Amino acid sequence: FNDEEIRAAFEFIDLDNNDYVGAAEIRHVLICMGELVTDEEVDMMITMVDSDGDGQVGYGEFYMMV
């Protein structure tokens, strides 16, 4: 993926446009894609990429994940 595609994907998931992706946004996108996920699974996804420990995924963390 190029930088523009990664930014577009992040902005698509960042529903409230606050430059962070939280659990509710991740859950919403996954459910819209037909994926049934538990709160615990979403929390685990965030923990895996949340390098600063703030409980949400910033663009830099998202970029590094992709």
N, C-alpha and C. Protein backbone atom coordinates (compact mmCIF):
# COMPACT_ATOMS: atom_id res chain seq x y z
N PHE A 1 0.83 -1.19 0.00
CA PHE A 1 0.00 0.00 0.00
C PHE A 1 0.87 1.25 0.00
N ASN A 2 0.42 2.28 -0.70
CA ASN A 2 1.17 3.53 -0.66
C ASN A 2 0.61 4.43 0.45
N ASP A 3 1.30 5.54 0.70
CA ASP A 3 0.92 6.42 1.81
C ASP A 3 -0.51 6.94 1.68
N GLU A 4 -0.92 7.28 0.47
CA GLU A 4 -2.28 7.80 0.26
C GLU A 4 -3.33 6.74 0.57
N GLU A 5 -3.08 5.51 0.18
CA GLU A 5 -4.03 4.43 0.45
C GLU A 5 -4.13 4.14 1.95
N ILE A 6 -3.00 4.20 2.63
CA ILE A 6 -3.01 3.96 4.07
C ILE A 6 -3.76 5.08 4.77
N ARG A 7 -3.53 6.33 4.38
CA ARG A 7 -4.24 7.47 4.98
C ARG A 7 -5.74 7.36 4.71
N ALA A 8 -6.13 6.99 3.51
CA ALA A 8 -7.54 6.85 3.16
C ALA A 8 -8.20 5.76 4.00
N ALA A 9 -7.51 4.65 4.19
CA ALA A 9 -8.06 3.57 5.02
C ALA A 9 -8.24 4.03 6.45
N PHE A 10 -7.26 4.75 6.99
CA PHE A 10 -7.36 5.26 8.35
C PHE A 10 -8.54 6.23 8.48
N GLU A 11 -8.67 7.14 7.54
CA GLU A 11 -9.76 8.11 7.59
C GLU A 11 -11.12 7.44 7.46
N PHE A 12 -11.20 6.34 6.72
CA PHE A 12 -12.45 5.59 6.58
C PHE A 12 -12.86 5.00 7.93
N ILE A 13 -11.91 4.51 8.69
CA ILE A 13 -12.19 3.89 9.99
C ILE A 13 -12.41 4.95 11.07
N ASP A 14 -11.73 6.08 10.97
CA ASP A 14 -11.82 7.16 11.97
C ASP A 14 -13.13 7.93 11.78
N LEU A 15 -14.21 7.34 12.25
CA LEU A 15 -15.55 7.87 12.00
C LEU A 15 -15.78 9.26 12.59
N ASP A 16 -15.16 9.58 13.72
CA ASP A 16 -15.38 10.89 14.33
C ASP A 16 -14.29 11.91 13.96
N ASN A 17 -13.41 11.52 13.06
CA ASN A 17 -12.37 12.41 12.53
C ASN A 17 -11.52 13.08 13.61
N ASN A 18 -11.15 12.32 14.63
CA ASN A 18 -10.32 12.89 15.70
C ASN A 18 -8.86 12.44 15.62
N ASP A 19 -8.50 11.80 14.50
CA ASP A 19 -7.14 11.29 14.26
C ASP A 19 -6.75 10.13 15.16
N TYR A 20 -7.74 9.49 15.76
CA TYR A 20 -7.53 8.27 16.53
C TYR A 20 -8.64 7.29 16.18
N VAL A 21 -8.33 6.01 16.24
CA VAL A 21 -9.33 4.97 16.03
C VAL A 21 -9.50 4.25 17.36
N GLY A 22 -10.72 4.27 17.86
CA GLY A 22 -11.02 3.61 19.12
C GLY A 22 -11.75 2.30 18.91
N ALA A 23 -12.03 1.64 20.01
CA ALA A 23 -12.66 0.32 19.97
C ALA A 23 -14.01 0.35 19.26
N ALA A 24 -14.82 1.36 19.53
CA ALA A 24 -16.15 1.43 18.91
C ALA A 24 -16.05 1.55 17.39
N GLU A 25 -15.08 2.32 16.91
CA GLU A 25 -14.92 2.48 15.47
C GLU A 25 -14.44 1.19 14.82
N ILE A 26 -13.51 0.52 15.46
CA ILE A 26 -13.02 -0.76 14.92
C ILE A 26 -14.15 -1.78 14.90
N ARG A 27 -14.89 -1.86 15.98
CA ARG A 27 -16.01 -2.80 16.07
C ARG A 27 -17.03 -2.50 14.97
N HIS A 28 -17.38 -1.24 14.78
CA HIS A 28 -18.36 -0.84 13.77
C HIS A 28 -17.92 -1.29 12.37
N VAL A 29 -16.68 -1.00 12.03
CA VAL A 29 -16.18 -1.36 10.70
C VAL A 29 -16.18 -2.87 10.51
N LEU A 30 -15.73 -3.61 11.51
CA LEU A 30 -15.69 -5.07 11.39
C LEU A 30 -17.08 -5.66 11.27
N ILE A 31 -18.03 -5.14 12.04
CA ILE A 31 -19.41 -5.64 11.95
C ILE A 31 -19.99 -5.33 10.57
N CYS A 32 -19.71 -4.15 10.03
CA CYS A 32 -20.18 -3.80 8.69
C CYS A 32 -19.59 -4.73 7.63
N MET A 33 -18.41 -5.26 7.91
CA MET A 33 -17.76 -6.20 6.99
C MET A 33 -18.24 -7.64 7.23
N GLY A 34 -19.15 -7.83 8.18
CA GLY A 34 -19.68 -9.15 8.45
C GLY A 34 -18.90 -9.95 9.47
N GLU A 35 -17.95 -9.32 10.15
CA GLU A 35 -17.15 -10.00 11.17
C GLU A 35 -17.79 -9.82 12.53
N LEU A 36 -18.09 -10.90 13.20
CA LEU A 36 -18.62 -10.83 14.55
C LEU A 36 -17.45 -10.92 15.52
N VAL A 37 -17.22 -9.85 16.25
CA VAL A 37 -16.09 -9.80 17.17
C VAL A 37 -16.59 -9.43 18.56
N THR A 38 -15.90 -9.94 19.55
CA THR A 38 -16.24 -9.61 20.93
C THR A 38 -15.48 -8.35 21.35
N ASP A 39 -15.91 -7.74 22.44
CA ASP A 39 -15.20 -6.59 22.98
C ASP A 39 -13.76 -6.96 23.31
N GLU A 40 -13.58 -8.16 23.84
CA GLU A 40 -12.24 -8.61 24.21
C GLU A 40 -11.34 -8.72 22.98
N GLU A 41 -11.88 -9.20 21.87
CA GLU A 41 -11.08 -9.33 20.64
C GLU A 41 -10.67 -7.95 20.12
N VAL A 42 -11.59 -7.00 20.17
CA VAL A 42 -11.27 -5.64 19.72
C VAL A 42 -10.22 -5.03 20.64
N ASP A 43 -10.38 -5.21 21.94
CA ASP A 43 -9.39 -4.70 22.89
C ASP A 43 -8.01 -5.29 22.62
N MET A 44 -7.96 -6.57 22.28
CA MET A 44 -6.70 -7.24 21.98
C MET A 44 -6.07 -6.65 20.72
N MET A 45 -6.90 -6.37 19.71
CA MET A 45 -6.39 -5.77 18.48
C MET A 45 -5.74 -4.43 18.77
N ILE A 46 -6.41 -3.63 19.59
CA ILE A 46 -5.87 -2.31 19.94
C ILE A 46 -4.57 -2.46 20.72
N THR A 47 -4.56 -3.34 21.70
CA THR A 47 -3.37 -3.54 22.52
C THR A 47 -2.16 -3.94 21.68
N MET A 48 -2.39 -4.71 20.63
CA MET A 48 -1.29 -5.18 19.78
C MET A 48 -0.58 -4.04 19.05
N VAL A 49 -1.28 -2.94 18.76
CA VAL A 49 -0.67 -1.85 17.99
C VAL A 49 -0.56 -0.54 18.76
N ASP A 50 -1.12 -0.47 19.95
CA ASP A 50 -1.16 0.75 20.75
C ASP A 50 0.16 0.95 21.48
N SER A 51 1.14 1.50 20.78
CA SER A 51 2.49 1.61 21.35
C SER A 51 2.59 2.62 22.48
N ASP A 52 1.70 3.62 22.53
CA ASP A 52 1.78 4.61 23.60
C ASP A 52 0.84 4.34 24.76
N GLY A 53 0.05 3.26 24.66
CA GLY A 53 -0.80 2.83 25.77
C GLY A 53 -1.98 3.72 26.08
N ASP A 54 -2.43 4.52 25.10
CA ASP A 54 -3.56 5.41 25.36
C ASP A 54 -4.93 4.78 25.09
N GLY A 55 -4.95 3.51 24.69
CA GLY A 55 -6.21 2.81 24.49
C GLY A 55 -6.86 3.05 23.14
N GLN A 56 -6.16 3.73 22.26
CA GLN A 56 -6.67 3.94 20.92
C GLN A 56 -5.51 3.91 19.94
N VAL A 57 -5.84 3.87 18.66
CA VAL A 57 -4.81 3.73 17.63
C VAL A 57 -4.69 5.05 16.87
N GLY A 58 -3.54 5.69 17.00
CA GLY A 58 -3.26 6.90 16.24
C GLY A 58 -2.80 6.55 14.84
N TYR A 59 -2.71 7.56 13.98
CA TYR A 59 -2.32 7.30 12.60
C TYR A 59 -0.94 6.65 12.51
N GLY A 60 0.01 7.13 13.29
CA GLY A 60 1.35 6.55 13.25
C GLY A 60 1.36 5.08 13.61
N GLU A 61 0.58 4.71 14.61
CA GLU A 61 0.48 3.30 15.02
C GLU A 61 -0.19 2.48 13.92
N PHE A 62 -1.24 3.05 13.31
CA PHE A 62 -1.94 2.38 12.22
C PHE A 62 -0.99 2.17 11.04
N TYR A 63 -0.23 3.21 10.71
CA TYR A 63 0.71 3.15 9.59
C TYR A 63 1.73 2.03 9.80
N MET A 64 2.27 1.96 11.00
CA MET A 64 3.26 0.92 11.30
C MET A 64 2.65 -0.48 11.22
N MET A 65 1.37 -0.61 11.57
CA MET A 65 0.69 -1.90 11.52
C MET A 65 0.53 -2.37 10.08
N VAL A 66 0.21 -1.43 9.18
CA VAL A 66 -0.02 -1.78 7.78
C VAL A 66 1.31 -2.06 7.12
